[in-house]
């Protein structure tokens, strides 16, 4: 069984971010948007019929703050499976499109919920660099020579040249290429990892 190098996104993969955001957005904007209605998490202003500037201002002033970010609940039982993989000698790399200014609280969150361990790596997005989230994540996957990736954003999953477990979300529906497998739970993700590991001896 091969000791895989696994890339893992954070928001909506191990952190229940959209559910937490929706609660705050609905309270602030006087709306009642449900999780199932979020068909574009990455341009959420379109769902609330607000300008990008309005949404960005709210994100920066209220949500991209330590007090809020540390309270986002984890998606269970993600940490249990990740700990199992680590005990098998696998390596895990957290690769998030969160901006670098919240990297410190992101690491605190990972520690708090049992996702961190000695020697772990955390990558966050440098907004000063002229690259897309696709270029950023695929670039790290190649640099770290990852074997597999766990993601919720469809275009990023499609752009990878390694197997990807795409965690089913309202914003990633549609047909997928052969290297991307749609999964509906962390139990399915764990089986996907086991299958890839067994085939990669």
Protein backbone atom coordinates (compact mmCIF):
# COMPACT_ATOMS: atom_id res chain seq x y z
CA UNK A 1 0.00 0.00 0.00
CA UNK A 2 1.53 3.30 -1.13
CA UNK A 3 1.96 6.12 1.40
CA UNK A 4 0.08 8.79 -0.49
CA UNK A 5 0.68 12.54 -0.49
CA UNK A 6 -2.81 13.99 -0.12
CA UNK A 7 -3.86 17.56 -0.87
CA UNK A 8 -6.93 18.78 1.01
CA UNK A 9 -8.96 21.95 0.51
CA UNK A 10 -10.34 23.52 3.70
CA UNK A 11 -13.59 25.43 3.11
CA UNK A 12 -16.58 23.13 2.56
CA UNK A 13 -14.29 20.09 2.65
CA UNK A 14 -13.15 19.98 6.27
CA UNK A 15 -14.70 23.27 7.46
CA UNK A 16 -18.45 23.89 7.25
CA UNK A 17 -17.85 27.39 5.93
CA UNK A 18 -20.83 28.11 3.70
CA UNK A 19 -23.36 27.14 6.37
CA UNK A 20 -21.60 29.52 8.78
CA UNK A 21 -21.40 32.29 6.18
CA UNK A 22 -25.08 31.94 5.29
CA UNK A 23 -26.18 32.47 8.87
CA UNK A 24 -24.24 35.74 9.00
CA UNK A 25 -25.18 36.87 5.49
CA UNK A 26 -28.88 36.23 6.03
CA UNK A 27 -28.87 38.14 9.31
CA UNK A 28 -26.96 41.07 7.81
CA UNK A 29 -28.78 41.38 4.48
CA UNK A 30 -32.24 40.36 5.72
CA UNK A 31 -32.42 37.33 3.46
CA UNK A 32 -33.28 33.65 3.95
CA UNK A 33 -30.99 31.91 1.47
CA UNK A 34 -30.63 28.16 2.09
CA UNK A 35 -27.51 26.04 1.54
CA UNK A 36 -29.10 24.22 -1.39
CA UNK A 37 -29.56 27.55 -3.19
CA UNK A 38 -25.86 28.39 -3.17
CA UNK A 39 -25.03 27.38 -6.72
CA UNK A 40 -21.97 29.65 -6.87
CA UNK A 41 -20.16 29.86 -3.53
CA UNK A 42 -17.26 31.70 -5.16
CA UNK A 43 -19.45 34.54 -6.46
CA UNK A 44 -21.91 34.57 -3.60
CA UNK A 45 -22.90 38.19 -4.30
CA UNK A 46 -25.03 36.95 -7.22
CA UNK A 47 -27.16 34.85 -4.87
CA UNK A 48 -27.82 37.75 -2.51
CA UNK A 49 -28.38 40.22 -5.37
CA UNK A 50 -25.72 42.47 -3.89
CA UNK A 51 -22.67 44.04 -5.46
CA UNK A 52 -19.32 42.32 -5.12
CA UNK A 53 -18.06 45.40 -3.28
CA UNK A 54 -20.85 45.07 -0.67
CA UNK A 55 -20.15 41.38 -0.11
CA UNK A 56 -16.37 41.85 -0.02
CA UNK A 57 -16.74 44.64 2.54
CA UNK A 58 -18.89 42.41 4.76
CA UNK A 59 -16.47 39.50 4.39
CA UNK A 60 -13.48 41.62 5.38
CA UNK A 61 -15.19 43.51 8.20
CA UNK A 62 -17.10 40.64 9.80
CA UNK A 63 -16.26 37.19 8.48
CA UNK A 64 -12.54 37.25 7.70
CA UNK A 65 -11.88 37.94 11.36
CA UNK A 66 -10.28 35.65 13.92
CA UNK A 67 -13.37 35.70 16.16
CA UNK A 68 -15.59 34.38 13.37
CA UNK A 69 -13.19 32.04 11.59
CA UNK A 70 -12.22 30.14 14.74
CA UNK A 71 -15.93 29.37 15.36
CA UNK A 72 -16.60 27.70 11.98
CA UNK A 73 -17.49 24.06 12.81
CA UNK A 74 -15.56 21.17 11.26
CA UNK A 75 -17.18 18.71 8.88
CA UNK A 76 -17.35 15.36 10.66
CA UNK A 77 -15.77 12.85 10.67
CA UNK A 78 -13.01 14.36 8.49
CA UNK A 79 -10.38 14.62 11.23
CA UNK A 80 -10.89 10.97 12.24
CA UNK A 81 -10.04 9.72 8.75
CA UNK A 82 -7.12 12.12 8.34
CA UNK A 83 -5.63 10.87 11.61
CA UNK A 84 -5.98 7.29 10.32
CA UNK A 85 -4.13 8.24 7.12
CA UNK A 86 -1.35 9.89 9.12
CA UNK A 87 -0.94 6.76 11.24
CA UNK A 88 -0.51 4.80 8.00
CA UNK A 89 2.39 7.07 7.07
CA UNK A 90 0.56 9.20 4.54
CA UNK A 91 1.22 12.95 4.21
CA UNK A 92 -1.43 15.66 4.19
CA UNK A 93 -1.14 19.15 2.71
CA UNK A 94 -3.84 21.76 3.40
CA UNK A 95 -4.20 23.93 0.30
CA UNK A 96 -6.78 26.67 0.65
CA UNK A 97 -7.80 29.70 -1.40
CA UNK A 98 -8.25 31.59 1.86
CA UNK A 99 -6.21 34.83 1.78
CA UNK A 100 -2.87 34.86 3.57
CA UNK A 101 -4.08 37.44 6.10
CA UNK A 102 -6.15 34.71 7.80
CA UNK A 103 -3.48 32.00 7.64
CA UNK A 104 -2.67 32.34 11.35
CA UNK A 105 -6.25 31.80 12.51
CA UNK A 106 -6.64 29.02 9.94
CA UNK A 107 -3.75 27.16 11.55
CA UNK A 108 -5.29 27.75 15.00
CA UNK A 109 -8.55 26.28 13.68
CA UNK A 110 -6.74 23.21 12.31
CA UNK A 111 -5.04 22.68 15.69
CA UNK A 112 -8.29 23.18 17.61
CA UNK A 113 -10.15 20.54 15.62
CA UNK A 114 -7.45 17.87 15.45
CA UNK A 115 -6.28 18.43 11.86
CA UNK A 116 -2.76 19.61 12.67
CA UNK A 117 0.36 17.60 13.45
CA UNK A 118 4.11 18.16 13.59
CA UNK A 119 5.51 18.84 10.13
CA UNK A 120 2.17 19.71 8.56
CA UNK A 121 2.00 22.15 5.65
CA UNK A 122 -0.60 24.85 5.12
CA UNK A 123 -0.84 26.89 1.92
CA UNK A 124 -3.03 29.99 1.62
CA UNK A 125 -3.66 32.30 -1.33
CA UNK A 126 -1.38 35.27 -1.95
CA UNK A 127 -3.68 37.93 -3.41
CA UNK A 128 -0.67 40.03 -4.47
CA UNK A 129 0.40 37.41 -6.98
CA UNK A 130 -1.08 37.44 -10.44
CA UNK A 131 -2.49 33.92 -10.59
CA UNK A 132 -5.89 32.25 -10.53
CA UNK A 133 -7.05 29.80 -7.88
CA UNK A 134 -6.69 27.05 -10.49
CA UNK A 135 -3.08 27.97 -11.26
CA UNK A 136 -2.34 28.30 -7.55
CA UNK A 137 -3.68 24.89 -6.53
CA UNK A 138 -2.50 22.91 -9.54
CA UNK A 139 0.93 24.53 -9.15
CA UNK A 140 1.23 23.42 -5.53
CA UNK A 141 -0.01 19.93 -6.41
CA UNK A 142 2.80 19.63 -8.96
CA UNK A 143 5.43 21.24 -6.71
CA UNK A 144 4.64 18.90 -3.81
CA UNK A 145 4.19 15.91 -6.16
CA UNK A 146 0.79 15.10 -4.68
CA UNK A 147 -0.87 11.77 -5.47
CA UNK A 148 -4.47 12.79 -4.86
CA UNK A 149 -6.57 15.86 -4.06
CA UNK A 150 -9.81 16.45 -2.14
CA UNK A 151 -11.72 19.48 -3.40
CA UNK A 152 -15.19 21.01 -3.77
CA UNK A 153 -14.58 23.41 -6.68
CA UNK A 154 -15.32 21.71 -9.98
CA UNK A 155 -13.00 23.66 -12.28
CA UNK A 156 -10.05 23.14 -9.95
CA UNK A 157 -10.78 19.40 -9.78
CA UNK A 158 -11.01 19.20 -13.57
CA UNK A 159 -7.69 21.03 -14.02
CA UNK A 160 -5.74 18.59 -11.84
CA UNK A 161 -3.71 15.85 -13.51
CA UNK A 162 -4.06 13.53 -10.50
CA UNK A 163 -7.09 11.68 -9.07
CA UNK A 164 -9.52 14.01 -7.30
CA UNK A 165 -12.34 13.32 -4.85
CA UNK A 166 -14.92 16.06 -5.47
CA UNK A 167 -17.15 16.45 -2.42
CA UNK A 168 -20.68 16.98 -3.72
CA UNK A 169 -21.95 20.53 -3.26
CA UNK A 170 -24.74 22.60 -4.91
CA UNK A 171 -22.10 24.60 -6.81
CA UNK A 172 -20.28 21.67 -8.44
CA UNK A 173 -22.99 19.74 -10.28
CA UNK A 174 -22.44 18.38 -13.78
CA UNK A 175 -20.50 15.73 -15.64
CA UNK A 176 -16.92 15.04 -14.56
CA UNK A 177 -13.77 13.81 -16.32
CA UNK A 178 -12.52 10.30 -15.55
CA UNK A 179 -9.89 11.38 -13.02
CA UNK A 180 -12.49 13.14 -10.84
CA UNK A 181 -14.84 11.09 -8.63
CA UNK A 182 -17.88 12.68 -7.05
CA UNK A 183 -18.20 11.68 -3.39
CA UNK A 184 -20.98 12.35 -0.91
CA UNK A 185 -19.34 11.72 2.45
CA UNK A 186 -16.02 11.38 4.20
CA UNK A 187 -16.62 7.64 4.34
CA UNK A 188 -16.58 7.63 0.53
CA UNK A 189 -13.47 9.80 0.50
CA UNK A 190 -11.72 7.32 2.79
CA UNK A 191 -12.63 4.43 0.47
CA UNK A 192 -11.36 6.43 -2.52
CA UNK A 193 -8.03 6.99 -0.72
CA UNK A 194 -7.80 3.29 0.16
CA UNK A 195 -8.52 2.27 -3.43
CA UNK A 196 -5.90 4.64 -4.88
CA UNK A 197 -3.36 3.54 -2.28
CA UNK A 198 -3.94 -0.14 -3.07
CA UNK A 199 -3.58 0.44 -6.82
CA UNK A 200 -0.37 2.45 -6.36
CA UNK A 201 1.77 -0.22 -4.72
